[in-house]
Amino acid sequence: MHDLAAGVAQFQRTVFPAKTPLFTRLAGTHQPTALFIGCSDARVVPELITQSEPGDLFVIRTAGNIVPAYSPGSDGVAASIEYAVAALRVTDIVVCGHSACGAMTALAEHHDLTTAPAVAGWLRHADAARARAAMSGGPASVDALVRANVHAQLANLATHPAVAAALADHALTLHGWIYDIGSGAVDEVAPAALPA
């Protein structure tokens, strides 16, 4: 906790004063242009990877960068997607998977999650990714599952009514990325694989 408190003190002492005009503007406006859906993994920092300023990205982070397919009812991920698209009118959504993803490793290596039932339940939203990776023949590697998962989550994203409406109006573009932690490379998922 000491490191976090020291970071806040440094932010208040040096970063905030250097960016006062930006924060003054942001205090009265919220107009991000993109929604970034990434993994909760501490090694994946959307603003750092994209070199974005505060206010540029609306960010959702979930274990395994998973986006459950739309279903009626209370859901924090669905609510955040709907707000970003319908209220903030973002023009781009990125679903970003990454190398060495713990969630995808658990699936690829069939980890026993009986002591983590919430995690096991959450990872069921990646069943389509497992099926897609399995179609390539043989056991799916973590890398293959990471890629298949980005495809599957883009498909799930397109089931959300606000996203489907914005796509139909050509007001929104979906993007799939794979971030390699060790090299810093960002591989774009082939546009042909994105939902229409």
N, C-alpha and C. Protein backbone atom coordinates (compact mmCIF):
# COMPACT_ATOMS: atom_id res chain seq x y z
N MET A 1 0.81 -1.20 0.00
CA MET A 1 0.00 0.00 0.00
C MET A 1 0.86 1.26 0.00
N HIS A 2 2.03 1.16 0.61
CA HIS A 2 2.93 2.31 0.65
C HIS A 2 3.28 2.78 -0.77
N ASP A 3 3.54 1.82 -1.68
CA ASP A 3 3.89 2.17 -3.06
C ASP A 3 2.74 2.91 -3.74
N LEU A 4 1.50 2.48 -3.48
CA LEU A 4 0.35 3.15 -4.08
C LEU A 4 0.20 4.56 -3.54
N ALA A 5 0.36 4.73 -2.24
CA ALA A 5 0.26 6.06 -1.63
C ALA A 5 1.37 6.97 -2.15
N ALA A 6 2.56 6.42 -2.31
CA ALA A 6 3.67 7.20 -2.85
C ALA A 6 3.39 7.60 -4.29
N GLY A 7 2.75 6.69 -5.04
CA GLY A 7 2.38 7.02 -6.42
C GLY A 7 1.36 8.14 -6.49
N VAL A 8 0.37 8.13 -5.59
CA VAL A 8 -0.63 9.20 -5.55
C VAL A 8 0.06 10.53 -5.22
N ALA A 9 0.96 10.50 -4.27
CA ALA A 9 1.67 11.73 -3.90
C ALA A 9 2.47 12.27 -5.08
N GLN A 10 3.13 11.39 -5.82
CA GLN A 10 3.90 11.84 -6.98
C GLN A 10 2.97 12.39 -8.06
N PHE A 11 1.82 11.72 -8.27
CA PHE A 11 0.84 12.21 -9.24
C PHE A 11 0.41 13.62 -8.87
N GLN A 12 0.07 13.84 -7.60
CA GLN A 12 -0.40 15.15 -7.16
C GLN A 12 0.70 16.20 -7.22
N ARG A 13 1.93 15.78 -6.98
CA ARG A 13 3.05 16.72 -6.95
C ARG A 13 3.56 17.08 -8.34
N THR A 14 3.63 16.11 -9.27
CA THR A 14 4.27 16.39 -10.56
C THR A 14 3.37 16.19 -11.78
N VAL A 15 2.64 15.08 -11.85
CA VAL A 15 1.86 14.77 -13.05
C VAL A 15 0.66 15.70 -13.20
N PHE A 16 -0.15 15.81 -12.14
CA PHE A 16 -1.35 16.64 -12.22
C PHE A 16 -1.02 18.09 -12.57
N PRO A 17 -0.05 18.72 -11.91
CA PRO A 17 0.27 20.11 -12.27
C PRO A 17 0.71 20.27 -13.73
N ALA A 18 1.43 19.26 -14.25
CA ALA A 18 1.89 19.34 -15.64
C ALA A 18 0.75 19.20 -16.63
N LYS A 19 -0.35 18.58 -16.21
CA LYS A 19 -1.49 18.34 -17.10
C LYS A 19 -2.76 19.06 -16.62
N THR A 20 -2.59 20.13 -15.89
CA THR A 20 -3.74 20.85 -15.34
C THR A 20 -4.75 21.25 -16.41
N PRO A 21 -4.33 21.81 -17.55
CA PRO A 21 -5.34 22.16 -18.57
C PRO A 21 -6.16 20.95 -19.05
N LEU A 22 -5.52 19.80 -19.20
CA LEU A 22 -6.23 18.59 -19.62
C LEU A 22 -7.26 18.19 -18.56
N PHE A 23 -6.84 18.14 -17.30
CA PHE A 23 -7.76 17.73 -16.24
C PHE A 23 -8.88 18.75 -16.03
N THR A 24 -8.59 20.02 -16.24
CA THR A 24 -9.63 21.06 -16.14
C THR A 24 -10.69 20.82 -17.20
N ARG A 25 -10.26 20.51 -18.43
CA ARG A 25 -11.21 20.23 -19.51
C ARG A 25 -11.99 18.94 -19.22
N LEU A 26 -11.29 17.92 -18.74
CA LEU A 26 -11.94 16.63 -18.47
C LEU A 26 -12.94 16.71 -17.31
N ALA A 27 -12.77 17.67 -16.43
CA ALA A 27 -13.69 17.80 -15.30
C ALA A 27 -15.11 18.12 -15.78
N GLY A 28 -15.23 18.66 -16.99
CA GLY A 28 -16.55 19.02 -17.50
C GLY A 28 -16.99 18.29 -18.75
N THR A 29 -16.16 17.37 -19.25
CA THR A 29 -16.52 16.66 -20.48
C THR A 29 -15.97 15.24 -20.46
N HIS A 30 -16.71 14.34 -21.08
CA HIS A 30 -16.29 12.94 -21.18
C HIS A 30 -16.62 12.49 -22.60
N GLN A 31 -15.61 12.48 -23.48
CA GLN A 31 -15.84 12.15 -24.88
C GLN A 31 -14.78 11.21 -25.43
N PRO A 32 -14.65 10.03 -24.86
CA PRO A 32 -13.68 9.09 -25.43
C PRO A 32 -14.13 8.67 -26.83
N THR A 33 -13.17 8.35 -27.68
CA THR A 33 -13.52 7.94 -29.04
C THR A 33 -13.52 6.43 -29.20
N ALA A 34 -12.93 5.73 -28.25
CA ALA A 34 -12.82 4.27 -28.38
C ALA A 34 -13.14 3.58 -27.06
N LEU A 35 -13.71 2.39 -27.18
CA LEU A 35 -13.90 1.48 -26.06
C LEU A 35 -12.84 0.40 -26.20
N PHE A 36 -12.06 0.20 -25.16
CA PHE A 36 -11.00 -0.80 -25.15
C PHE A 36 -11.39 -1.89 -24.17
N ILE A 37 -11.60 -3.10 -24.67
CA ILE A 37 -11.96 -4.24 -23.81
C ILE A 37 -10.73 -5.13 -23.73
N GLY A 38 -10.13 -5.15 -22.56
CA GLY A 38 -8.91 -5.93 -22.36
C GLY A 38 -9.00 -6.82 -21.16
N CYS A 39 -7.95 -7.54 -20.92
CA CYS A 39 -7.88 -8.47 -19.80
C CYS A 39 -7.56 -7.71 -18.51
N SER A 40 -7.99 -8.27 -17.40
CA SER A 40 -7.69 -7.69 -16.09
C SER A 40 -6.23 -7.86 -15.70
N ASP A 41 -5.49 -8.64 -16.43
CA ASP A 41 -4.07 -8.91 -16.16
C ASP A 41 -3.32 -7.60 -15.93
N ALA A 42 -2.59 -7.52 -14.83
CA ALA A 42 -1.88 -6.29 -14.46
C ALA A 42 -0.79 -5.90 -15.46
N ARG A 43 -0.39 -6.84 -16.31
CA ARG A 43 0.66 -6.55 -17.29
C ARG A 43 0.13 -5.89 -18.55
N VAL A 44 -1.19 -5.80 -18.66
CA VAL A 44 -1.83 -5.25 -19.86
C VAL A 44 -2.48 -3.93 -19.48
N VAL A 45 -1.85 -2.83 -19.85
CA VAL A 45 -2.32 -1.49 -19.46
C VAL A 45 -2.72 -0.75 -20.74
N PRO A 46 -4.03 -0.67 -21.02
CA PRO A 46 -4.49 -0.10 -22.30
C PRO A 46 -3.93 1.28 -22.61
N GLU A 47 -3.92 2.17 -21.63
CA GLU A 47 -3.44 3.53 -21.88
C GLU A 47 -1.95 3.56 -22.20
N LEU A 48 -1.20 2.66 -21.60
CA LEU A 48 0.24 2.58 -21.88
C LEU A 48 0.49 2.01 -23.27
N ILE A 49 -0.20 0.91 -23.59
CA ILE A 49 -0.02 0.26 -24.89
C ILE A 49 -0.39 1.20 -26.03
N THR A 50 -1.47 1.95 -25.86
CA THR A 50 -1.94 2.84 -26.94
C THR A 50 -1.41 4.26 -26.81
N GLN A 51 -0.66 4.53 -25.74
CA GLN A 51 -0.14 5.87 -25.48
C GLN A 51 -1.26 6.91 -25.51
N SER A 52 -2.35 6.58 -24.83
CA SER A 52 -3.51 7.46 -24.76
C SER A 52 -3.45 8.34 -23.52
N GLU A 53 -4.08 9.49 -23.65
CA GLU A 53 -4.20 10.42 -22.53
C GLU A 53 -5.45 10.09 -21.73
N PRO A 54 -5.54 10.57 -20.50
CA PRO A 54 -6.79 10.44 -19.77
C PRO A 54 -7.94 11.03 -20.60
N GLY A 55 -9.06 10.32 -20.62
CA GLY A 55 -10.21 10.78 -21.39
C GLY A 55 -10.31 10.22 -22.79
N ASP A 56 -9.24 9.60 -23.30
CA ASP A 56 -9.25 9.09 -24.67
C ASP A 56 -9.96 7.74 -24.80
N LEU A 57 -9.82 6.88 -23.78
CA LEU A 57 -10.36 5.53 -23.85
C LEU A 57 -11.41 5.29 -22.78
N PHE A 58 -12.47 4.59 -23.14
CA PHE A 58 -13.40 4.04 -22.17
C PHE A 58 -12.95 2.59 -22.05
N VAL A 59 -12.66 2.12 -20.85
CA VAL A 59 -11.99 0.84 -20.68
C VAL A 59 -12.84 -0.14 -19.86
N ILE A 60 -12.95 -1.35 -20.37
CA ILE A 60 -13.53 -2.47 -19.63
C ILE A 60 -12.44 -3.53 -19.54
N ARG A 61 -12.19 -4.00 -18.33
CA ARG A 61 -11.20 -5.06 -18.14
C ARG A 61 -11.87 -6.23 -17.44
N THR A 62 -11.79 -7.39 -18.06
CA THR A 62 -12.36 -8.61 -17.49
C THR A 62 -11.33 -9.73 -17.60
N ALA A 63 -11.46 -10.73 -16.76
CA ALA A 63 -10.59 -11.89 -16.87
C ALA A 63 -10.75 -12.50 -18.25
N GLY A 64 -9.64 -12.60 -18.98
CA GLY A 64 -9.66 -13.20 -20.31
C GLY A 64 -10.26 -12.31 -21.38
N ASN A 65 -10.37 -11.00 -21.13
CA ASN A 65 -11.02 -10.06 -22.06
C ASN A 65 -12.32 -10.63 -22.62
N ILE A 66 -13.09 -11.24 -21.72
CA ILE A 66 -14.32 -11.90 -22.10
C ILE A 66 -15.49 -10.92 -22.12
N VAL A 67 -16.29 -11.02 -23.17
CA VAL A 67 -17.51 -10.24 -23.34
C VAL A 67 -18.65 -11.25 -23.47
N PRO A 68 -19.43 -11.46 -22.42
CA PRO A 68 -20.55 -12.40 -22.57
C PRO A 68 -21.52 -11.94 -23.66
N ALA A 69 -22.07 -12.89 -24.39
CA ALA A 69 -23.11 -12.56 -25.37
C ALA A 69 -24.25 -11.86 -24.62
N TYR A 70 -24.94 -10.99 -25.32
CA TYR A 70 -26.00 -10.21 -24.68
C TYR A 70 -27.12 -11.10 -24.17
N SER A 71 -27.59 -10.77 -22.99
CA SER A 71 -28.82 -11.37 -22.45
C SER A 71 -29.46 -10.31 -21.57
N PRO A 72 -30.79 -10.26 -21.54
CA PRO A 72 -31.45 -9.25 -20.72
C PRO A 72 -31.11 -9.44 -19.24
N GLY A 73 -31.12 -8.36 -18.51
CA GLY A 73 -30.85 -8.43 -17.08
C GLY A 73 -29.66 -7.57 -16.71
N SER A 74 -29.38 -7.54 -15.43
CA SER A 74 -28.29 -6.73 -14.88
C SER A 74 -26.95 -7.37 -15.19
N ASP A 75 -26.08 -6.62 -15.79
CA ASP A 75 -24.76 -7.10 -16.17
C ASP A 75 -23.85 -5.89 -16.33
N GLY A 76 -22.80 -5.81 -15.53
CA GLY A 76 -21.91 -4.66 -15.57
C GLY A 76 -21.18 -4.51 -16.89
N VAL A 77 -20.80 -5.62 -17.51
CA VAL A 77 -20.10 -5.54 -18.80
C VAL A 77 -21.07 -5.01 -19.86
N ALA A 78 -22.27 -5.57 -19.92
CA ALA A 78 -23.26 -5.13 -20.90
C ALA A 78 -23.62 -3.66 -20.69
N ALA A 79 -23.77 -3.25 -19.44
CA ALA A 79 -24.11 -1.85 -19.15
C ALA A 79 -23.00 -0.91 -19.61
N SER A 80 -21.77 -1.30 -19.39
CA SER A 80 -20.63 -0.47 -19.81
C SER A 80 -20.54 -0.38 -21.33
N ILE A 81 -20.78 -1.49 -22.02
CA ILE A 81 -20.77 -1.48 -23.49
C ILE A 81 -21.88 -0.58 -24.00
N GLU A 82 -23.08 -0.75 -23.46
CA GLU A 82 -24.22 0.06 -23.89
C GLU A 82 -23.96 1.54 -23.66
N TYR A 83 -23.41 1.89 -22.52
CA TYR A 83 -23.12 3.30 -22.22
C TYR A 83 -22.08 3.86 -23.19
N ALA A 84 -21.02 3.09 -23.43
CA ALA A 84 -19.97 3.56 -24.34
C ALA A 84 -20.50 3.81 -25.74
N VAL A 85 -21.36 2.90 -26.22
CA VAL A 85 -21.84 2.99 -27.60
C VAL A 85 -23.03 3.94 -27.73
N ALA A 86 -24.03 3.78 -26.87
CA ALA A 86 -25.27 4.55 -27.01
C ALA A 86 -25.16 5.96 -26.44
N ALA A 87 -24.46 6.14 -25.33
CA ALA A 87 -24.39 7.46 -24.69
C ALA A 87 -23.14 8.23 -25.12
N LEU A 88 -21.97 7.57 -25.04
CA LEU A 88 -20.73 8.26 -25.39
C LEU A 88 -20.46 8.26 -26.89
N ARG A 89 -21.12 7.37 -27.60
CA ARG A 89 -20.99 7.27 -29.06
C ARG A 89 -19.55 7.05 -29.52
N VAL A 90 -18.88 6.09 -28.87
CA VAL A 90 -17.53 5.74 -29.34
C VAL A 90 -17.65 5.24 -30.78
N THR A 91 -16.61 5.46 -31.55
CA THR A 91 -16.64 5.05 -32.96
C THR A 91 -15.85 3.77 -33.21
N ASP A 92 -15.08 3.33 -32.22
CA ASP A 92 -14.27 2.13 -32.36
C ASP A 92 -14.30 1.33 -31.07
N ILE A 93 -14.32 0.00 -31.21
CA ILE A 93 -14.17 -0.89 -30.06
C ILE A 93 -13.05 -1.86 -30.38
N VAL A 94 -12.12 -1.97 -29.44
CA VAL A 94 -11.01 -2.92 -29.55
C VAL A 94 -11.21 -4.01 -28.50
N VAL A 95 -11.17 -5.26 -28.94
CA VAL A 95 -11.08 -6.39 -28.01
C VAL A 95 -9.63 -6.86 -28.09
N CYS A 96 -8.93 -6.78 -26.97
CA CYS A 96 -7.50 -7.06 -26.96
C CYS A 96 -7.16 -8.26 -26.08
N GLY A 97 -6.71 -9.33 -26.72
CA GLY A 97 -6.17 -10.48 -26.00
C GLY A 97 -4.67 -10.29 -25.82
N HIS A 98 -4.04 -11.19 -25.09
CA HIS A 98 -2.60 -11.02 -24.88
C HIS A 98 -1.91 -12.35 -24.64
N SER A 99 -0.62 -12.34 -24.84
CA SER A 99 0.20 -13.53 -24.63
C SER A 99 0.19 -13.92 -23.15
N ALA A 100 0.39 -15.20 -22.89
CA ALA A 100 0.49 -15.72 -21.53
C ALA A 100 -0.73 -15.37 -20.67
N CYS A 101 -1.90 -15.35 -21.28
CA CYS A 101 -3.14 -15.03 -20.56
C CYS A 101 -3.47 -16.17 -19.59
N GLY A 102 -3.63 -15.84 -18.33
CA GLY A 102 -3.93 -16.86 -17.32
C GLY A 102 -5.26 -17.54 -17.56
N ALA A 103 -6.26 -16.78 -18.00
CA ALA A 103 -7.58 -17.37 -18.25
C ALA A 103 -7.51 -18.37 -19.40
N MET A 104 -6.84 -17.98 -20.48
CA MET A 104 -6.74 -18.88 -21.62
C MET A 104 -5.82 -20.07 -21.32
N THR A 105 -4.81 -19.85 -20.48
CA THR A 105 -3.94 -20.95 -20.06
C THR A 105 -4.75 -21.98 -19.26
N ALA A 106 -5.62 -21.48 -18.37
CA ALA A 106 -6.46 -22.39 -17.58
C ALA A 106 -7.34 -23.25 -18.48
N LEU A 107 -7.87 -22.65 -19.54
CA LEU A 107 -8.71 -23.41 -20.47
C LEU A 107 -7.88 -24.37 -21.31
N ALA A 108 -6.78 -23.89 -21.86
CA ALA A 108 -5.96 -24.73 -22.75
C ALA A 108 -5.37 -25.92 -22.01
N GLU A 109 -5.02 -25.71 -20.74
CA GLU A 109 -4.37 -26.76 -19.98
C GLU A 109 -5.34 -27.49 -19.05
N HIS A 110 -6.62 -27.22 -19.19
CA HIS A 110 -7.67 -27.90 -18.41
C HIS A 110 -7.39 -27.87 -16.91
N HIS A 111 -7.11 -26.66 -16.39
CA HIS A 111 -6.85 -26.52 -14.95
C HIS A 111 -8.10 -26.88 -14.14
N ASP A 112 -7.87 -27.45 -13.00
CA ASP A 112 -8.96 -27.78 -12.09
C ASP A 112 -9.40 -26.50 -11.37
N LEU A 113 -10.60 -26.05 -11.65
CA LEU A 113 -11.11 -24.81 -11.07
C LEU A 113 -12.21 -25.05 -10.05
N THR A 114 -12.22 -26.25 -9.46
CA THR A 114 -13.29 -26.55 -8.50
C THR A 114 -13.23 -25.65 -7.28
N THR A 115 -12.07 -25.13 -6.93
CA THR A 115 -11.97 -24.21 -5.79
C THR A 115 -12.20 -22.77 -6.20
N ALA A 116 -12.43 -22.53 -7.48
CA ALA A 116 -12.70 -21.19 -7.99
C ALA A 116 -13.95 -21.23 -8.87
N PRO A 117 -15.11 -21.50 -8.28
CA PRO A 117 -16.32 -21.68 -9.08
C PRO A 117 -16.75 -20.44 -9.86
N ALA A 118 -16.50 -19.26 -9.33
CA ALA A 118 -16.85 -18.04 -10.06
C ALA A 118 -15.99 -17.90 -11.31
N VAL A 119 -14.71 -18.23 -11.17
CA VAL A 119 -13.80 -18.20 -12.33
C VAL A 119 -14.25 -19.23 -13.36
N ALA A 120 -14.54 -20.43 -12.90
CA ALA A 120 -14.99 -21.49 -13.82
C ALA A 120 -16.24 -21.07 -14.57
N GLY A 121 -17.18 -20.47 -13.86
CA GLY A 121 -18.42 -20.00 -14.50
C GLY A 121 -18.15 -18.91 -15.51
N TRP A 122 -17.27 -17.98 -15.16
CA TRP A 122 -16.93 -16.89 -16.07
C TRP A 122 -16.28 -17.41 -17.35
N LEU A 123 -15.39 -18.37 -17.19
CA LEU A 123 -14.66 -18.89 -18.35
C LEU A 123 -15.55 -19.68 -19.30
N ARG A 124 -16.75 -20.05 -18.87
CA ARG A 124 -17.68 -20.71 -19.79
C ARG A 124 -18.07 -19.78 -20.94
N HIS A 125 -17.90 -18.48 -20.73
CA HIS A 125 -18.17 -17.53 -21.81
C HIS A 125 -17.13 -17.63 -22.94
N ALA A 126 -16.10 -18.42 -22.72
CA ALA A 126 -15.07 -18.64 -23.75
C ALA A 126 -15.21 -20.00 -24.41
N ASP A 127 -16.33 -20.68 -24.20
CA ASP A 127 -16.54 -21.99 -24.82
C ASP A 127 -16.44 -21.93 -26.35
N ALA A 128 -16.96 -20.87 -26.93
CA ALA A 128 -16.88 -20.72 -28.40
C ALA A 128 -15.44 -20.60 -28.84
N ALA A 129 -14.61 -19.97 -28.03
CA ALA A 129 -13.19 -19.85 -28.36
C ALA A 129 -12.53 -21.22 -28.35
N ARG A 130 -12.89 -22.03 -27.36
CA ARG A 130 -12.33 -23.39 -27.32
C ARG A 130 -12.75 -24.19 -28.53
N ALA A 131 -14.01 -24.06 -28.90
CA ALA A 131 -14.52 -24.79 -30.07
C ALA A 131 -13.81 -24.32 -31.34
N ARG A 132 -13.62 -23.01 -31.46
CA ARG A 132 -12.95 -22.45 -32.64
C ARG A 132 -11.51 -22.92 -32.71
N ALA A 133 -10.81 -22.91 -31.57
CA ALA A 133 -9.41 -23.35 -31.55
C ALA A 133 -9.30 -24.84 -31.84
N ALA A 134 -10.27 -25.62 -31.37
CA ALA A 134 -10.25 -27.07 -31.58
C ALA A 134 -10.43 -27.44 -33.05
N MET A 135 -11.08 -26.57 -33.82
CA MET A 135 -11.30 -26.84 -35.25
C MET A 135 -10.00 -26.90 -36.03
N SER A 136 -8.94 -26.32 -35.47
CA SER A 136 -7.65 -26.35 -36.16
C SER A 136 -6.97 -27.71 -36.05
N GLY A 137 -7.56 -28.61 -35.25
CA GLY A 137 -7.02 -29.97 -35.12
C GLY A 137 -6.01 -30.05 -34.00
N GLY A 138 -6.09 -31.09 -33.21
CA GLY A 138 -5.17 -31.28 -32.10
C GLY A 138 -5.51 -30.38 -30.93
N PRO A 139 -4.78 -30.53 -29.83
CA PRO A 139 -5.04 -29.71 -28.65
C PRO A 139 -4.67 -28.25 -28.94
N ALA A 140 -5.48 -27.34 -28.44
CA ALA A 140 -5.25 -25.92 -28.68
C ALA A 140 -4.13 -25.41 -27.78
N SER A 141 -3.19 -24.71 -28.38
CA SER A 141 -2.14 -24.06 -27.60
C SER A 141 -2.74 -22.81 -26.97
N VAL A 142 -2.05 -22.27 -25.99
CA VAL A 142 -2.51 -21.03 -25.36
C VAL A 142 -2.61 -19.93 -26.41
N ASP A 143 -1.58 -19.81 -27.27
CA ASP A 143 -1.59 -18.76 -28.30
C ASP A 143 -2.78 -18.90 -29.24
N ALA A 144 -3.08 -20.13 -29.65
CA ALA A 144 -4.22 -20.36 -30.54
C ALA A 144 -5.52 -20.02 -29.84
N LEU A 145 -5.61 -20.34 -28.56
CA LEU A 145 -6.82 -20.04 -27.81
C LEU A 145 -6.98 -18.54 -27.58
N VAL A 146 -5.89 -17.83 -27.34
CA VAL A 146 -5.94 -16.37 -27.20
C VAL A 146 -6.53 -15.75 -28.47
N ARG A 147 -6.03 -16.20 -29.62
CA ARG A 147 -6.51 -15.67 -30.90
C ARG A 147 -7.98 -16.04 -31.13
N ALA A 148 -8.32 -17.30 -30.89
CA ALA A 148 -9.71 -17.74 -31.07
C ALA A 148 -10.64 -17.00 -30.13
N ASN A 149 -10.15 -16.70 -28.94
CA ASN A 149 -10.96 -15.99 -27.96
C ASN A 149 -11.27 -14.56 -28.42
N VAL A 150 -10.31 -13.89 -29.02
CA VAL A 150 -10.58 -12.54 -29.54
C VAL A 150 -11.68 -12.61 -30.59
N HIS A 151 -11.59 -13.56 -31.50
CA HIS A 151 -12.64 -13.74 -32.52
C HIS A 151 -14.00 -13.99 -31.85
N ALA A 152 -14.02 -14.90 -30.88
CA ALA A 152 -15.28 -15.26 -30.22
C ALA A 152 -15.87 -14.07 -29.46
N GLN A 153 -15.02 -13.28 -28.81
CA GLN A 153 -15.54 -12.15 -28.05
C GLN A 153 -16.02 -11.02 -28.97
N LEU A 154 -15.41 -10.88 -30.12
CA LEU A 154 -15.93 -9.92 -31.11
C LEU A 154 -17.32 -10.35 -31.57
N ALA A 155 -17.51 -11.64 -31.78
CA ALA A 155 -18.83 -12.15 -32.16
C ALA A 155 -19.84 -11.91 -31.04
N ASN A 156 -19.44 -12.16 -29.79
CA ASN A 156 -20.32 -11.89 -28.66
C ASN A 156 -20.67 -10.42 -28.57
N LEU A 157 -19.69 -9.58 -28.78
CA LEU A 157 -19.90 -8.13 -28.72
C LEU A 157 -20.98 -7.69 -29.70
N ALA A 158 -20.98 -8.28 -30.88
CA ALA A 158 -21.95 -7.91 -31.92
C ALA A 158 -23.38 -8.32 -31.57
N THR A 159 -23.56 -9.14 -30.52
CA THR A 159 -24.92 -9.52 -30.10
C THR A 159 -25.56 -8.46 -29.22
N HIS A 160 -24.80 -7.50 -28.75
CA HIS A 160 -25.34 -6.44 -27.89
C HIS A 160 -26.13 -5.46 -28.75
N PRO A 161 -27.37 -5.16 -28.38
CA PRO A 161 -28.24 -4.32 -29.22
C PRO A 161 -27.63 -2.98 -29.62
N ALA A 162 -27.00 -2.29 -28.69
CA ALA A 162 -26.41 -0.98 -29.03
C ALA A 162 -25.29 -1.14 -30.06
N VAL A 163 -24.51 -2.21 -29.91
CA VAL A 163 -23.41 -2.47 -30.86
C VAL A 163 -23.98 -2.84 -32.22
N ALA A 164 -24.96 -3.74 -32.24
CA ALA A 164 -25.57 -4.16 -33.50
C ALA A 164 -26.18 -2.97 -34.24
N ALA A 165 -26.84 -2.08 -33.51
CA ALA A 165 -27.45 -0.90 -34.14
C ALA A 165 -26.38 0.04 -34.71
N ALA A 166 -25.32 0.26 -33.95
CA ALA A 166 -24.24 1.15 -34.42
C ALA A 166 -23.51 0.54 -35.61
N LEU A 167 -23.34 -0.78 -35.61
CA LEU A 167 -22.71 -1.45 -36.76
C LEU A 167 -23.60 -1.31 -38.00
N ALA A 168 -24.89 -1.49 -37.80
CA ALA A 168 -25.84 -1.38 -38.93
C ALA A 168 -25.84 0.04 -39.51
N ASP A 169 -25.62 1.03 -38.64
CA ASP A 169 -25.58 2.44 -39.08
C ASP A 169 -24.20 2.84 -39.58
N HIS A 170 -23.25 1.91 -39.60
CA HIS A 170 -21.86 2.19 -39.99
C HIS A 170 -21.25 3.29 -39.13
N ALA A 171 -21.66 3.33 -37.86
CA ALA A 171 -21.16 4.34 -36.92
C ALA A 171 -20.11 3.76 -35.98
N LEU A 172 -19.79 2.48 -36.17
CA LEU A 172 -18.91 1.79 -35.24
C LEU A 172 -18.08 0.76 -35.99
N THR A 173 -16.82 0.64 -35.60
CA THR A 173 -15.93 -0.36 -36.18
C THR A 173 -15.36 -1.20 -35.05
N LEU A 174 -15.36 -2.52 -35.25
CA LEU A 174 -14.79 -3.44 -34.27
C LEU A 174 -13.39 -3.85 -34.70
N HIS A 175 -12.50 -3.99 -33.71
CA HIS A 175 -11.11 -4.35 -33.98
C HIS A 175 -10.70 -5.46 -33.01
N GLY A 176 -9.90 -6.39 -33.47
CA GLY A 176 -9.34 -7.43 -32.63
C GLY A 176 -7.83 -7.30 -32.60
N TRP A 177 -7.26 -7.30 -31.41
CA TRP A 177 -5.82 -7.18 -31.24
C TRP A 177 -5.32 -8.31 -30.35
N ILE A 178 -4.05 -8.69 -30.58
CA ILE A 178 -3.33 -9.59 -29.69
C ILE A 178 -2.05 -8.86 -29.30
N TYR A 179 -1.88 -8.62 -28.01
CA TYR A 179 -0.71 -7.91 -27.49
C TYR A 179 0.28 -8.93 -26.94
N ASP A 180 1.53 -8.84 -27.39
CA ASP A 180 2.58 -9.73 -26.91
C ASP A 180 3.36 -9.01 -25.80
N ILE A 181 3.24 -9.51 -24.59
CA ILE A 181 3.85 -8.84 -23.44
C ILE A 181 5.37 -8.75 -23.57
N GLY A 182 6.00 -9.81 -24.03
CA GLY A 182 7.47 -9.85 -24.09
C GLY A 182 8.09 -8.95 -25.14
N SER A 183 7.40 -8.75 -26.26
CA SER A 183 7.98 -7.95 -27.34
C SER A 183 7.31 -6.58 -27.51
N GLY A 184 6.13 -6.42 -26.95
CA GLY A 184 5.39 -5.17 -27.14
C GLY A 184 4.63 -5.11 -28.45
N ALA A 185 4.70 -6.19 -29.25
CA ALA A 185 4.03 -6.20 -30.55
C ALA A 185 2.51 -6.29 -30.36
N VAL A 186 1.79 -5.66 -31.26
CA VAL A 186 0.34 -5.76 -31.30
C VAL A 186 -0.04 -6.28 -32.68
N ASP A 187 -0.63 -7.47 -32.68
CA ASP A 187 -1.03 -8.13 -33.92
C ASP A 187 -2.52 -7.91 -34.12
N GLU A 188 -2.89 -7.38 -35.27
CA GLU A 188 -4.31 -7.17 -35.55
C GLU A 188 -4.94 -8.44 -36.08
N VAL A 189 -6.10 -8.77 -35.57
CA VAL A 189 -6.86 -9.91 -36.07
C VAL A 189 -7.36 -9.53 -37.46
N ALA A 190 -7.27 -10.46 -38.39
CA ALA A 190 -7.63 -10.19 -39.78
C ALA A 190 -9.05 -9.61 -39.87
N PRO A 191 -9.24 -8.50 -40.58
CA PRO A 191 -10.55 -7.87 -40.69
C PRO A 191 -11.63 -8.84 -41.21
N ALA A 192 -11.26 -9.78 -42.05
CA ALA A 192 -12.25 -10.72 -42.59
C ALA A 192 -12.86 -11.56 -41.49
N ALA A 193 -12.17 -11.71 -40.36
CA ALA A 193 -12.67 -12.53 -39.27
C ALA A 193 -13.64 -11.77 -38.37
N LEU A 194 -13.75 -10.46 -38.55
CA LEU A 194 -14.64 -9.67 -37.71
C LEU A 194 -16.08 -9.86 -38.12
N PRO A 195 -16.99 -9.70 -37.16
CA PRO A 195 -18.41 -9.81 -37.51
C PRO A 195 -18.79 -8.75 -38.52
N ALA A 196 -19.75 -9.09 -39.39
CA ALA A 196 -20.18 -8.13 -40.41
C ALA A 196 -21.07 -7.07 -39.78
